[in-house]
């Protein structure tokens, strides 16, 4: 990095450049933008970042992000407590919530099985899920993991783990997305779409 800017500004650029998707040029643009904003706005951003690391934690029940012991979904009396949707991370949970099609509870794994990356069953929240099933009256587990190699391996492992429990295990359908021309779908996508077909 060129030594054009004061050390304080260079430090901000270096810290911003560590964020995913930001290189040194983008980080420099962001830092200069922040420097040009009213002092109050930049202070509010700094304050919100401090609060983020001080107040946000993992829900003790489902491992979603929360400000207290439990997240907003676990605290919501309107949620269907007989259903648990298993997701990889809070971003996947957010995507499902935005669909407004699911009204049950969640369980966030915080990763997928990937021996190459050192992620086995103990490194993600599978044991905590099984402990939940021992104490909560759950009727259905919905596995909502991406159809990647790691997602498929994790889903298969979960199905095996859940066999001893008297719970219905379902999986979100995978197939051809809306607006896609069927002629351009790959073989695996077509196979999954045909397997998940519905009666009309």
C-alpha atoms as a PDB file:
ATOM      1  CA  UNK A   1       0.000   0.000   0.000  1.00  0.00           C
ATOM      2  CA  UNK A   2       1.295   3.454  -0.898  1.00  0.00           C
ATOM      3  CA  UNK A   3       2.101   5.764   1.998  1.00  0.00           C
ATOM      4  CA  UNK A   4      -0.023   8.614   0.638  1.00  0.00           C
ATOM      5  CA  UNK A   5      -2.540   8.695   3.489  1.00  0.00           C
ATOM      6  CA  UNK A   6      -2.105   9.329   7.221  1.00  0.00           C
ATOM      7  CA  UNK A   7      -1.444   6.196   9.278  1.00  0.00           C
ATOM      8  CA  UNK A   8      -4.930   6.271  10.839  1.00  0.00           C
ATOM      9  CA  UNK A   9      -6.570   6.228   7.403  1.00  0.00           C
ATOM     10  CA  UNK A  10      -4.220   3.495   6.175  1.00  0.00           C
ATOM     11  CA  UNK A  11      -5.201   1.383   9.182  1.00  0.00           C
ATOM     12  CA  UNK A  12      -8.899   1.770   8.338  1.00  0.00           C
ATOM     13  CA  UNK A  13      -8.204   0.771   4.717  1.00  0.00           C
ATOM     14  CA  UNK A  14      -6.264  -2.319   5.865  1.00  0.00           C
ATOM     15  CA  UNK A  15      -9.074  -3.348   8.216  1.00  0.00           C
ATOM     16  CA  UNK A  16     -11.766  -2.850   5.573  1.00  0.00           C
ATOM     17  CA  UNK A  17      -9.718  -4.815   3.016  1.00  0.00           C
ATOM     18  CA  UNK A  18     -10.003  -7.881   5.277  1.00  0.00           C
ATOM     19  CA  UNK A  19     -13.769  -8.001   4.656  1.00  0.00           C
ATOM     20  CA  UNK A  20     -14.967 -10.585   2.097  1.00  0.00           C
ATOM     21  CA  UNK A  21     -15.238  -9.228  -1.415  1.00  0.00           C
ATOM     22  CA  UNK A  22     -13.220  -6.089  -0.712  1.00  0.00           C
ATOM     23  CA  UNK A  23      -9.774  -5.478  -2.138  1.00  0.00           C
ATOM     24  CA  UNK A  24      -7.466  -2.599  -1.319  1.00  0.00           C
ATOM     25  CA  UNK A  25      -9.026  -0.274  -3.932  1.00  0.00           C
ATOM     26  CA  UNK A  26     -12.595  -0.884  -2.746  1.00  0.00           C
ATOM     27  CA  UNK A  27     -11.499  -0.529   0.875  1.00  0.00           C
ATOM     28  CA  UNK A  28      -9.816   2.783   0.043  1.00  0.00           C
ATOM     29  CA  UNK A  29     -12.995   4.067  -1.643  1.00  0.00           C
ATOM     30  CA  UNK A  30     -15.055   3.076   1.401  1.00  0.00           C
ATOM     31  CA  UNK A  31     -12.625   4.686   3.842  1.00  0.00           C
ATOM     32  CA  UNK A  32     -12.585   7.932   1.845  1.00  0.00           C
ATOM     33  CA  UNK A  33     -16.383   7.869   1.633  1.00  0.00           C
ATOM     34  CA  UNK A  34     -16.666   7.466   5.418  1.00  0.00           C
ATOM     35  CA  UNK A  35     -14.179  10.275   5.937  1.00  0.00           C
ATOM     36  CA  UNK A  36     -16.364  12.555   3.819  1.00  0.00           C
ATOM     37  CA  UNK A  37     -19.555  11.804   5.783  1.00  0.00           C
ATOM     38  CA  UNK A  38     -20.847  13.872   8.709  1.00  0.00           C
ATOM     39  CA  UNK A  39     -19.011  12.947  11.903  1.00  0.00           C
ATOM     40  CA  UNK A  40     -22.249  11.780  13.572  1.00  0.00           C
ATOM     41  CA  UNK A  41     -22.947   9.201  10.826  1.00  0.00           C
ATOM     42  CA  UNK A  42     -19.457   7.723  11.025  1.00  0.00           C
ATOM     43  CA  UNK A  43     -19.676   7.624  14.822  1.00  0.00           C
ATOM     44  CA  UNK A  44     -23.035   5.844  14.575  1.00  0.00           C
ATOM     45  CA  UNK A  45     -21.475   3.221  12.291  1.00  0.00           C
ATOM     46  CA  UNK A  46     -18.558   2.739  14.705  1.00  0.00           C
ATOM     47  CA  UNK A  47     -20.951   2.497  17.666  1.00  0.00           C
ATOM     48  CA  UNK A  48     -23.143  -0.076  15.883  1.00  0.00           C
ATOM     49  CA  UNK A  49     -20.080  -2.209  15.093  1.00  0.00           C
ATOM     50  CA  UNK A  50     -19.031  -2.146  18.754  1.00  0.00           C
ATOM     51  CA  UNK A  51     -22.554  -3.154  19.801  1.00  0.00           C
ATOM     52  CA  UNK A  52     -22.472  -5.948  17.236  1.00  0.00           C
ATOM     53  CA  UNK A  53     -19.476  -7.641  18.850  1.00  0.00           C
ATOM     54  CA  UNK A  54     -20.571  -6.866  22.423  1.00  0.00           C
ATOM     55  CA  UNK A  55     -24.263  -7.805  22.283  1.00  0.00           C
ATOM     56  CA  UNK A  56     -24.880 -10.347  19.514  1.00  0.00           C
ATOM     57  CA  UNK A  57     -24.438 -13.969  20.557  1.00  0.00           C
ATOM     58  CA  UNK A  58     -25.778 -17.386  19.596  1.00  0.00           C
ATOM     59  CA  UNK A  59     -29.230 -18.460  20.774  1.00  0.00           C
ATOM     60  CA  UNK A  60     -28.882 -21.181  23.416  1.00  0.00           C
ATOM     61  CA  UNK A  61     -31.629 -23.202  21.750  1.00  0.00           C
ATOM     62  CA  UNK A  62     -31.215 -22.968  17.965  1.00  0.00           C
ATOM     63  CA  UNK A  63     -27.848 -21.143  17.522  1.00  0.00           C
ATOM     64  CA  UNK A  64     -29.300 -18.313  15.463  1.00  0.00           C
ATOM     65  CA  UNK A  65     -27.994 -14.822  16.225  1.00  0.00           C
ATOM     66  CA  UNK A  66     -29.624 -13.265  19.288  1.00  0.00           C
ATOM     67  CA  UNK A  67     -29.243 -10.319  21.648  1.00  0.00           C
ATOM     68  CA  UNK A  68     -30.343 -12.326  24.668  1.00  0.00           C
ATOM     69  CA  UNK A  69     -30.250 -16.010  25.568  1.00  0.00           C
ATOM     70  CA  UNK A  70     -32.882 -16.903  22.955  1.00  0.00           C
ATOM     71  CA  UNK A  71     -33.461 -15.522  19.451  1.00  0.00           C
ATOM     72  CA  UNK A  72     -36.656 -13.842  18.281  1.00  0.00           C
ATOM     73  CA  UNK A  73     -37.972 -17.037  16.642  1.00  0.00           C
ATOM     74  CA  UNK A  74     -37.515 -19.188  19.748  1.00  0.00           C
ATOM     75  CA  UNK A  75     -39.253 -16.485  21.807  1.00  0.00           C
ATOM     76  CA  UNK A  76     -42.181 -16.115  19.384  1.00  0.00           C
ATOM     77  CA  UNK A  77     -45.279 -17.904  20.811  1.00  0.00           C
ATOM     78  CA  UNK A  78     -46.834 -17.970  17.322  1.00  0.00           C
ATOM     79  CA  UNK A  79     -44.165 -20.248  15.845  1.00  0.00           C
ATOM     80  CA  UNK A  80     -44.974 -23.941  15.312  1.00  0.00           C
ATOM     81  CA  UNK A  81     -42.809 -25.622  17.942  1.00  0.00           C
ATOM     82  CA  UNK A  82     -43.376 -29.109  16.499  1.00  0.00           C
ATOM     83  CA  UNK A  83     -41.228 -28.291  13.426  1.00  0.00           C
ATOM     84  CA  UNK A  84     -37.501 -27.654  13.231  1.00  0.00           C
ATOM     85  CA  UNK A  85     -35.866 -26.478  10.016  1.00  0.00           C
ATOM     86  CA  UNK A  86     -32.143 -27.260   9.803  1.00  0.00           C
ATOM     87  CA  UNK A  87     -30.064 -24.635   8.006  1.00  0.00           C
ATOM     88  CA  UNK A  88     -26.344 -24.143   7.421  1.00  0.00           C
ATOM     89  CA  UNK A  89     -26.050 -20.600   8.760  1.00  0.00           C
ATOM     90  CA  UNK A  90     -28.063 -17.513   9.762  1.00  0.00           C
ATOM     91  CA  UNK A  91     -27.947 -16.233   6.157  1.00  0.00           C
ATOM     92  CA  UNK A  92     -29.816 -19.357   4.992  1.00  0.00           C
ATOM     93  CA  UNK A  93     -32.318 -18.865   7.846  1.00  0.00           C
ATOM     94  CA  UNK A  94     -32.880 -15.296   6.665  1.00  0.00           C
ATOM     95  CA  UNK A  95     -33.545 -16.460   3.099  1.00  0.00           C
ATOM     96  CA  UNK A  96     -36.158 -18.962   4.292  1.00  0.00           C
ATOM     97  CA  UNK A  97     -37.832 -16.338   6.487  1.00  0.00           C
ATOM     98  CA  UNK A  98     -38.055 -13.942   3.555  1.00  0.00           C
ATOM     99  CA  UNK A  99     -40.078 -16.563   1.650  1.00  0.00           C
ATOM    100  CA  UNK A 100     -42.781 -16.324   4.372  1.00  0.00           C
ATOM    101  CA  UNK A 101     -43.564 -20.000   3.695  1.00  0.00           C
ATOM    102  CA  UNK A 102     -42.260 -21.517   6.963  1.00  0.00           C
ATOM    103  CA  UNK A 103     -43.585 -20.821  10.472  1.00  0.00           C
ATOM    104  CA  UNK A 104     -41.710 -23.333  12.624  1.00  0.00           C
ATOM    105  CA  UNK A 105     -38.472 -23.174  14.616  1.00  0.00           C
ATOM    106  CA  UNK A 106     -34.902 -23.462  13.366  1.00  0.00           C
ATOM    107  CA  UNK A 107     -31.618 -25.169  14.108  1.00  0.00           C
ATOM    108  CA  UNK A 108     -28.480 -23.496  12.716  1.00  0.00           C
ATOM    109  CA  UNK A 109     -25.541 -25.853  12.115  1.00  0.00           C
ATOM    110  CA  UNK A 110     -22.897 -23.151  11.518  1.00  0.00           C
ATOM    111  CA  UNK A 111     -21.237 -25.208   8.834  1.00  0.00           C
ATOM    112  CA  UNK A 112     -21.465 -28.373   6.777  1.00  0.00           C
ATOM    113  CA  UNK A 113     -19.539 -31.621   7.047  1.00  0.00           C
ATOM    114  CA  UNK A 114     -16.227 -31.184   5.265  1.00  0.00           C
ATOM    115  CA  UNK A 115     -13.355 -33.408   6.458  1.00  0.00           C
ATOM    116  CA  UNK A 116     -10.965 -31.532   4.156  1.00  0.00           C
ATOM    117  CA  UNK A 117     -11.685 -28.343   6.115  1.00  0.00           C
ATOM    118  CA  UNK A 118     -11.614 -30.116   9.472  1.00  0.00           C
ATOM    119  CA  UNK A 119     -15.396 -29.942   9.922  1.00  0.00           C
ATOM    120  CA  UNK A 120     -16.808 -33.150  11.338  1.00  0.00           C
ATOM    121  CA  UNK A 121     -20.035 -33.789  13.284  1.00  0.00           C
ATOM    122  CA  UNK A 122     -18.488 -32.381  16.482  1.00  0.00           C
ATOM    123  CA  UNK A 123     -17.540 -29.087  14.828  1.00  0.00           C
ATOM    124  CA  UNK A 124     -21.072 -28.261  13.718  1.00  0.00           C
ATOM    125  CA  UNK A 125     -24.227 -28.247  15.864  1.00  0.00           C
ATOM    126  CA  UNK A 126     -25.501 -31.782  15.169  1.00  0.00           C
ATOM    127  CA  UNK A 127     -25.118 -33.091  18.739  1.00  0.00           C
ATOM    128  CA  UNK A 128     -27.035 -30.067  20.023  1.00  0.00           C
ATOM    129  CA  UNK A 129     -29.870 -30.918  17.615  1.00  0.00           C
ATOM    130  CA  UNK A 130     -30.096 -34.470  18.939  1.00  0.00           C
ATOM    131  CA  UNK A 131     -30.135 -33.126  22.502  1.00  0.00           C
ATOM    132  CA  UNK A 132     -33.054 -30.850  21.539  1.00  0.00           C
ATOM    133  CA  UNK A 133     -34.997 -33.853  20.249  1.00  0.00           C
ATOM    134  CA  UNK A 134     -34.617 -35.533  23.640  1.00  0.00           C
ATOM    135  CA  UNK A 135     -36.379 -32.685  25.445  1.00  0.00           C
ATOM    136  CA  UNK A 136     -38.675 -31.030  22.871  1.00  0.00           C
ATOM    137  CA  UNK A 137     -41.883 -32.491  21.356  1.00  0.00           C
ATOM    138  CA  UNK A 138     -40.765 -32.257  17.717  1.00  0.00           C
ATOM    139  CA  UNK A 139     -42.852 -33.933  15.013  1.00  0.00           C
ATOM    140  CA  UNK A 140     -41.009 -32.874  11.858  1.00  0.00           C
ATOM    141  CA  UNK A 141     -37.417 -32.085  10.921  1.00  0.00           C
ATOM    142  CA  UNK A 142     -37.061 -30.165   7.656  1.00  0.00           C
ATOM    143  CA  UNK A 143     -33.561 -30.337   6.189  1.00  0.00           C
ATOM    144  CA  UNK A 144     -32.944 -27.131   4.236  1.00  0.00           C
ATOM    145  CA  UNK A 145     -29.335 -27.454   3.080  1.00  0.00           C
ATOM    146  CA  UNK A 146     -27.932 -26.423  -0.292  1.00  0.00           C
ATOM    147  CA  UNK A 147     -27.531 -29.267  -2.826  1.00  0.00           C
ATOM    148  CA  UNK A 148     -23.725 -29.038  -2.840  1.00  0.00           C
ATOM    149  CA  UNK A 149     -21.362 -31.944  -2.158  1.00  0.00           C
ATOM    150  CA  UNK A 150     -20.996 -30.840   1.490  1.00  0.00           C
ATOM    151  CA  UNK A 151     -24.733 -30.136   1.780  1.00  0.00           C
ATOM    152  CA  UNK A 152     -25.648 -33.570   0.424  1.00  0.00           C
ATOM    153  CA  UNK A 153     -23.143 -35.302   2.730  1.00  0.00           C
ATOM    154  CA  UNK A 154     -24.477 -33.409   5.751  1.00  0.00           C
ATOM    155  CA  UNK A 155     -28.093 -34.173   4.831  1.00  0.00           C
ATOM    156  CA  UNK A 156     -27.310 -37.905   4.455  1.00  0.00           C
ATOM    157  CA  UNK A 157     -25.512 -37.915   7.816  1.00  0.00           C
ATOM    158  CA  UNK A 158     -28.445 -36.144   9.488  1.00  0.00           C
ATOM    159  CA  UNK A 159     -30.928 -38.673   8.076  1.00  0.00           C
ATOM    160  CA  UNK A 160     -28.870 -41.488   9.643  1.00  0.00           C
ATOM    161  CA  UNK A 161     -28.635 -39.671  12.984  1.00  0.00           C
ATOM    162  CA  UNK A 162     -32.388 -39.051  13.061  1.00  0.00           C
ATOM    163  CA  UNK A 163     -33.435 -42.667  12.384  1.00  0.00           C
ATOM    164  CA  UNK A 164     -33.698 -43.610  16.099  1.00  0.00           C
ATOM    165  CA  UNK A 165     -36.125 -40.726  16.751  1.00  0.00           C
ATOM    166  CA  UNK A 166     -39.850 -40.900  16.088  1.00  0.00           C
ATOM    167  CA  UNK A 167     -39.831 -37.791  13.951  1.00  0.00           C
ATOM    168  CA  UNK A 168     -40.836 -37.148  10.342  1.00  0.00           C
ATOM    169  CA  UNK A 169     -37.786 -36.111   8.293  1.00  0.00           C
ATOM    170  CA  UNK A 170     -38.361 -34.030   5.153  1.00  0.00           C
ATOM    171  CA  UNK A 171     -36.112 -32.130   2.756  1.00  0.00           C
ATOM    172  CA  UNK A 172     -36.718 -29.005   0.714  1.00  0.00           C
ATOM    173  CA  UNK A 173     -37.285 -29.815  -2.949  1.00  0.00           C
ATOM    174  CA  UNK A 174     -34.524 -29.052  -5.416  1.00  0.00           C
ATOM    175  CA  UNK A 175     -35.127 -28.573  -9.089  1.00  0.00           C
ATOM    176  CA  UNK A 176     -35.594 -26.134 -11.917  1.00  0.00           C
ATOM    177  CA  UNK A 177     -35.881 -22.517 -10.731  1.00  0.00           C
ATOM    178  CA  UNK A 178     -38.681 -20.245 -11.904  1.00  0.00           C
ATOM    179  CA  UNK A 179     -37.918 -18.611 -15.235  1.00  0.00           C
ATOM    180  CA  UNK A 180     -35.244 -21.114 -16.269  1.00  0.00           C
ATOM    181  CA  UNK A 181     -35.463 -22.832 -19.658  1.00  0.00           C
ATOM    182  CA  UNK A 182     -35.623 -26.597 -19.003  1.00  0.00           C
ATOM    183  CA  UNK A 183     -33.311 -27.207 -21.985  1.00  0.00           C
ATOM    184  CA  UNK A 184     -30.428 -25.580 -20.096  1.00  0.00           C
ATOM    185  CA  UNK A 185     -30.801 -27.461 -16.809  1.00  0.00           C
ATOM    186  CA  UNK A 186     -28.006 -29.863 -15.875  1.00  0.00           C
ATOM    187  CA  UNK A 187     -28.717 -33.578 -15.423  1.00  0.00           C
ATOM    188  CA  UNK A 188     -28.593 -33.507 -11.602  1.00  0.00           C
ATOM    189  CA  UNK A 189     -31.014 -30.582 -11.439  1.00  0.00           C
ATOM    190  CA  UNK A 190     -33.439 -32.364 -13.787  1.00  0.00           C
ATOM    191  CA  UNK A 191     -33.117 -35.599 -11.789  1.00  0.00           C
ATOM    192  CA  UNK A 192     -33.916 -33.804  -8.519  1.00  0.00           C
ATOM    193  CA  UNK A 193     -36.821 -31.943 -10.131  1.00  0.00           C
ATOM    194  CA  UNK A 194     -38.335 -35.192 -11.421  1.00  0.00           C
ATOM    195  CA  UNK A 195     -37.901 -36.913  -8.043  1.00  0.00           C
ATOM    196  CA  UNK A 196     -39.605 -33.981  -6.277  1.00  0.00           C
ATOM    197  CA  UNK A 197     -42.567 -33.840  -8.673  1.00  0.00           C
ATOM    198  CA  UNK A 198     -45.992 -33.096  -7.187  1.00  0.00           C
ATOM    199  CA  UNK A 199     -49.473 -34.257  -8.028  1.00  0.00           C
ATOM    200  CA  UNK A 200     -51.724 -31.514  -9.481  1.00  0.00           C
END
